[in-house]
Amino acid sequence: MALTAEDIKEGKCYATSGKERYKVIAINPRGIVSFLTFEGNSKPGPLRANCGMKAFLEGVTKEIPCPAE
C-alpha cells in the first residue's frame, strides 16, 4: 500500500526502491519535507535535502526503523 502525506512524520525514516534511506527532520506548513540521506544502517549524513511532499511520496516505499544515533 502506498504511503500518504499523513504517514510521513518528523523523526521517522523511510526506504526507497534503491539503497538510499531518508530520515525526515522537518515538514513545514507548505508541505516542504527536509530530510537527511543514508544507506544501510549507517548514520544519516550532515547534508539536508528538501522537496515537496508529493515528490517525497513518489520516492519512498515504506517506513523503516531509524539507525541508532
N, C-alpha and C. Protein backbone atom coordinates (compact mmCIF):
# COMPACT_ATOMS: atom_id res chain seq x y z
N MET A 1 0.84 -1.18 0.00
CA MET A 1 0.00 0.00 0.00
C MET A 1 0.88 1.24 0.00
N ALA A 2 0.57 2.19 -0.82
CA ALA A 2 1.37 3.42 -0.94
C ALA A 2 1.23 4.29 0.30
N LEU A 3 2.30 4.99 0.62
CA LEU A 3 2.27 5.93 1.74
C LEU A 3 1.48 7.18 1.34
N THR A 4 0.89 7.84 2.34
CA THR A 4 0.19 9.10 2.12
C THR A 4 0.89 10.19 2.91
N ALA A 5 0.51 11.44 2.68
CA ALA A 5 1.11 12.56 3.40
C ALA A 5 0.94 12.41 4.91
N GLU A 6 -0.15 11.80 5.35
CA GLU A 6 -0.39 11.61 6.79
C GLU A 6 0.58 10.59 7.39
N ASP A 7 1.15 9.72 6.56
CA ASP A 7 2.10 8.72 7.03
C ASP A 7 3.50 9.29 7.27
N ILE A 8 3.82 10.41 6.66
CA ILE A 8 5.16 10.99 6.76
C ILE A 8 5.24 11.85 8.02
N LYS A 9 6.16 11.50 8.90
CA LYS A 9 6.29 12.18 10.20
C LYS A 9 7.74 12.59 10.44
N GLU A 10 7.92 13.70 11.12
CA GLU A 10 9.26 14.15 11.52
C GLU A 10 9.88 13.11 12.44
N GLY A 11 11.18 12.84 12.24
CA GLY A 11 11.91 11.89 13.08
C GLY A 11 11.81 10.45 12.61
N LYS A 12 11.00 10.16 11.60
CA LYS A 12 10.84 8.81 11.08
C LYS A 12 11.74 8.60 9.87
N CYS A 13 12.03 7.35 9.54
CA CYS A 13 12.88 7.01 8.41
C CYS A 13 12.09 6.22 7.38
N TYR A 14 12.48 6.37 6.12
CA TYR A 14 11.75 5.77 5.02
C TYR A 14 12.72 5.17 4.01
N ALA A 15 12.33 4.03 3.43
CA ALA A 15 13.13 3.35 2.42
C ALA A 15 12.70 3.81 1.03
N THR A 16 13.64 3.71 0.09
CA THR A 16 13.34 3.96 -1.31
C THR A 16 13.44 2.63 -2.04
N SER A 17 13.19 2.63 -3.32
CA SER A 17 13.32 1.38 -4.07
C SER A 17 14.79 1.01 -4.30
N GLY A 18 15.71 1.94 -4.06
CA GLY A 18 17.14 1.68 -4.19
C GLY A 18 17.79 1.49 -2.83
N LYS A 19 19.07 1.86 -2.72
CA LYS A 19 19.82 1.70 -1.47
C LYS A 19 19.62 2.87 -0.51
N GLU A 20 19.20 4.02 -1.01
CA GLU A 20 19.08 5.19 -0.16
C GLU A 20 17.94 5.07 0.84
N ARG A 21 18.16 5.67 1.99
CA ARG A 21 17.15 5.77 3.03
C ARG A 21 17.07 7.25 3.42
N TYR A 22 15.91 7.67 3.90
CA TYR A 22 15.73 9.08 4.27
C TYR A 22 15.23 9.18 5.71
N LYS A 23 15.77 10.16 6.44
CA LYS A 23 15.26 10.50 7.77
C LYS A 23 14.66 11.89 7.69
N VAL A 24 13.37 11.99 7.94
CA VAL A 24 12.67 13.28 7.88
C VAL A 24 13.01 14.08 9.13
N ILE A 25 13.49 15.31 8.92
CA ILE A 25 13.83 16.14 10.08
C ILE A 25 12.87 17.30 10.26
N ALA A 26 12.11 17.65 9.20
CA ALA A 26 11.13 18.73 9.34
C ALA A 26 10.15 18.68 8.17
N ILE A 27 8.93 19.11 8.45
CA ILE A 27 7.92 19.30 7.41
C ILE A 27 7.30 20.66 7.68
N ASN A 28 7.47 21.60 6.74
CA ASN A 28 6.95 22.94 7.00
C ASN A 28 5.46 23.00 6.62
N PRO A 29 4.77 24.06 7.04
CA PRO A 29 3.33 24.16 6.77
C PRO A 29 2.96 24.16 5.28
N ARG A 30 3.90 24.50 4.41
CA ARG A 30 3.63 24.49 2.96
C ARG A 30 3.87 23.12 2.34
N GLY A 31 4.24 22.12 3.15
CA GLY A 31 4.42 20.76 2.65
C GLY A 31 5.80 20.48 2.11
N ILE A 32 6.79 21.28 2.50
CA ILE A 32 8.17 21.02 2.09
C ILE A 32 8.80 20.09 3.13
N VAL A 33 9.33 18.97 2.66
CA VAL A 33 9.94 17.96 3.54
C VAL A 33 11.46 18.16 3.53
N SER A 34 12.05 18.32 4.72
CA SER A 34 13.51 18.39 4.87
C SER A 34 13.96 17.04 5.41
N PHE A 35 14.99 16.47 4.78
CA PHE A 35 15.42 15.12 5.18
C PHE A 35 16.91 14.94 5.00
N LEU A 36 17.43 13.93 5.71
CA LEU A 36 18.82 13.51 5.59
C LEU A 36 18.84 12.18 4.87
N THR A 37 19.91 11.92 4.13
CA THR A 37 20.03 10.68 3.36
C THR A 37 21.09 9.78 3.99
N PHE A 38 20.83 8.46 3.99
CA PHE A 38 21.81 7.49 4.46
C PHE A 38 21.60 6.18 3.71
N GLU A 39 22.57 5.28 3.85
CA GLU A 39 22.47 3.95 3.23
C GLU A 39 22.64 2.89 4.30
N GLY A 40 21.90 1.81 4.20
CA GLY A 40 22.00 0.71 5.15
C GLY A 40 21.73 1.16 6.56
N ASN A 41 22.58 0.73 7.50
CA ASN A 41 22.41 1.11 8.90
C ASN A 41 23.38 2.21 9.32
N SER A 42 23.99 2.90 8.35
CA SER A 42 24.91 3.98 8.68
C SER A 42 24.13 5.19 9.18
N LYS A 43 24.81 6.07 9.88
CA LYS A 43 24.17 7.29 10.37
C LYS A 43 23.87 8.22 9.19
N PRO A 44 22.78 9.00 9.28
CA PRO A 44 22.50 9.97 8.22
C PRO A 44 23.64 10.97 8.09
N GLY A 45 23.90 11.41 6.87
CA GLY A 45 24.94 12.41 6.62
C GLY A 45 24.51 13.78 7.11
N PRO A 46 25.42 14.73 7.08
CA PRO A 46 25.12 16.07 7.63
C PRO A 46 24.37 16.97 6.66
N LEU A 47 24.26 16.60 5.39
CA LEU A 47 23.64 17.49 4.42
C LEU A 47 22.13 17.26 4.34
N ARG A 48 21.40 18.35 4.40
CA ARG A 48 19.95 18.31 4.36
C ARG A 48 19.46 18.51 2.93
N ALA A 49 18.42 17.80 2.55
CA ALA A 49 17.78 17.98 1.25
C ALA A 49 16.33 18.38 1.49
N ASN A 50 15.73 19.06 0.54
CA ASN A 50 14.35 19.49 0.64
C ASN A 50 13.61 19.16 -0.64
N CYS A 51 12.34 18.80 -0.51
CA CYS A 51 11.48 18.62 -1.67
C CYS A 51 10.03 18.71 -1.22
N GLY A 52 9.15 18.82 -2.17
CA GLY A 52 7.73 18.86 -1.85
C GLY A 52 7.24 17.50 -1.40
N MET A 53 6.13 17.49 -0.68
CA MET A 53 5.57 16.24 -0.16
C MET A 53 5.25 15.27 -1.29
N LYS A 54 4.69 15.74 -2.39
CA LYS A 54 4.32 14.85 -3.50
C LYS A 54 5.56 14.15 -4.05
N ALA A 55 6.64 14.89 -4.28
CA ALA A 55 7.88 14.29 -4.79
C ALA A 55 8.47 13.32 -3.77
N PHE A 56 8.41 13.66 -2.48
CA PHE A 56 8.93 12.77 -1.45
C PHE A 56 8.15 11.45 -1.46
N LEU A 57 6.83 11.53 -1.54
CA LEU A 57 5.99 10.32 -1.55
C LEU A 57 6.27 9.45 -2.77
N GLU A 58 6.61 10.07 -3.90
CA GLU A 58 6.94 9.30 -5.10
C GLU A 58 8.25 8.55 -4.95
N GLY A 59 9.13 9.02 -4.05
CA GLY A 59 10.45 8.41 -3.90
C GLY A 59 10.56 7.36 -2.81
N VAL A 60 9.62 7.34 -1.86
CA VAL A 60 9.72 6.39 -0.75
C VAL A 60 8.72 5.25 -0.91
N THR A 61 9.08 4.09 -0.31
CA THR A 61 8.22 2.92 -0.44
C THR A 61 7.59 2.48 0.87
N LYS A 62 8.31 2.68 1.99
CA LYS A 62 7.76 2.25 3.28
C LYS A 62 8.53 2.90 4.42
N GLU A 63 7.94 2.90 5.61
CA GLU A 63 8.62 3.37 6.82
C GLU A 63 9.53 2.26 7.31
N ILE A 64 10.71 2.63 7.82
CA ILE A 64 11.67 1.67 8.35
C ILE A 64 12.19 2.17 9.69
N PRO A 65 12.79 1.31 10.51
CA PRO A 65 13.41 1.78 11.75
C PRO A 65 14.61 2.66 11.42
N CYS A 66 14.79 3.72 12.19
CA CYS A 66 15.95 4.59 12.00
C CYS A 66 17.18 3.95 12.62
N PRO A 67 18.37 4.20 12.05
CA PRO A 67 19.59 3.64 12.64
C PRO A 67 19.88 4.29 14.00
N ALA A 68 20.59 3.58 14.85
CA ALA A 68 20.96 4.12 16.16
C ALA A 68 21.85 5.34 15.96
N GLU A 69 21.63 6.34 16.76
CA GLU A 69 22.40 7.59 16.65
C GLU A 69 23.73 7.45 17.32
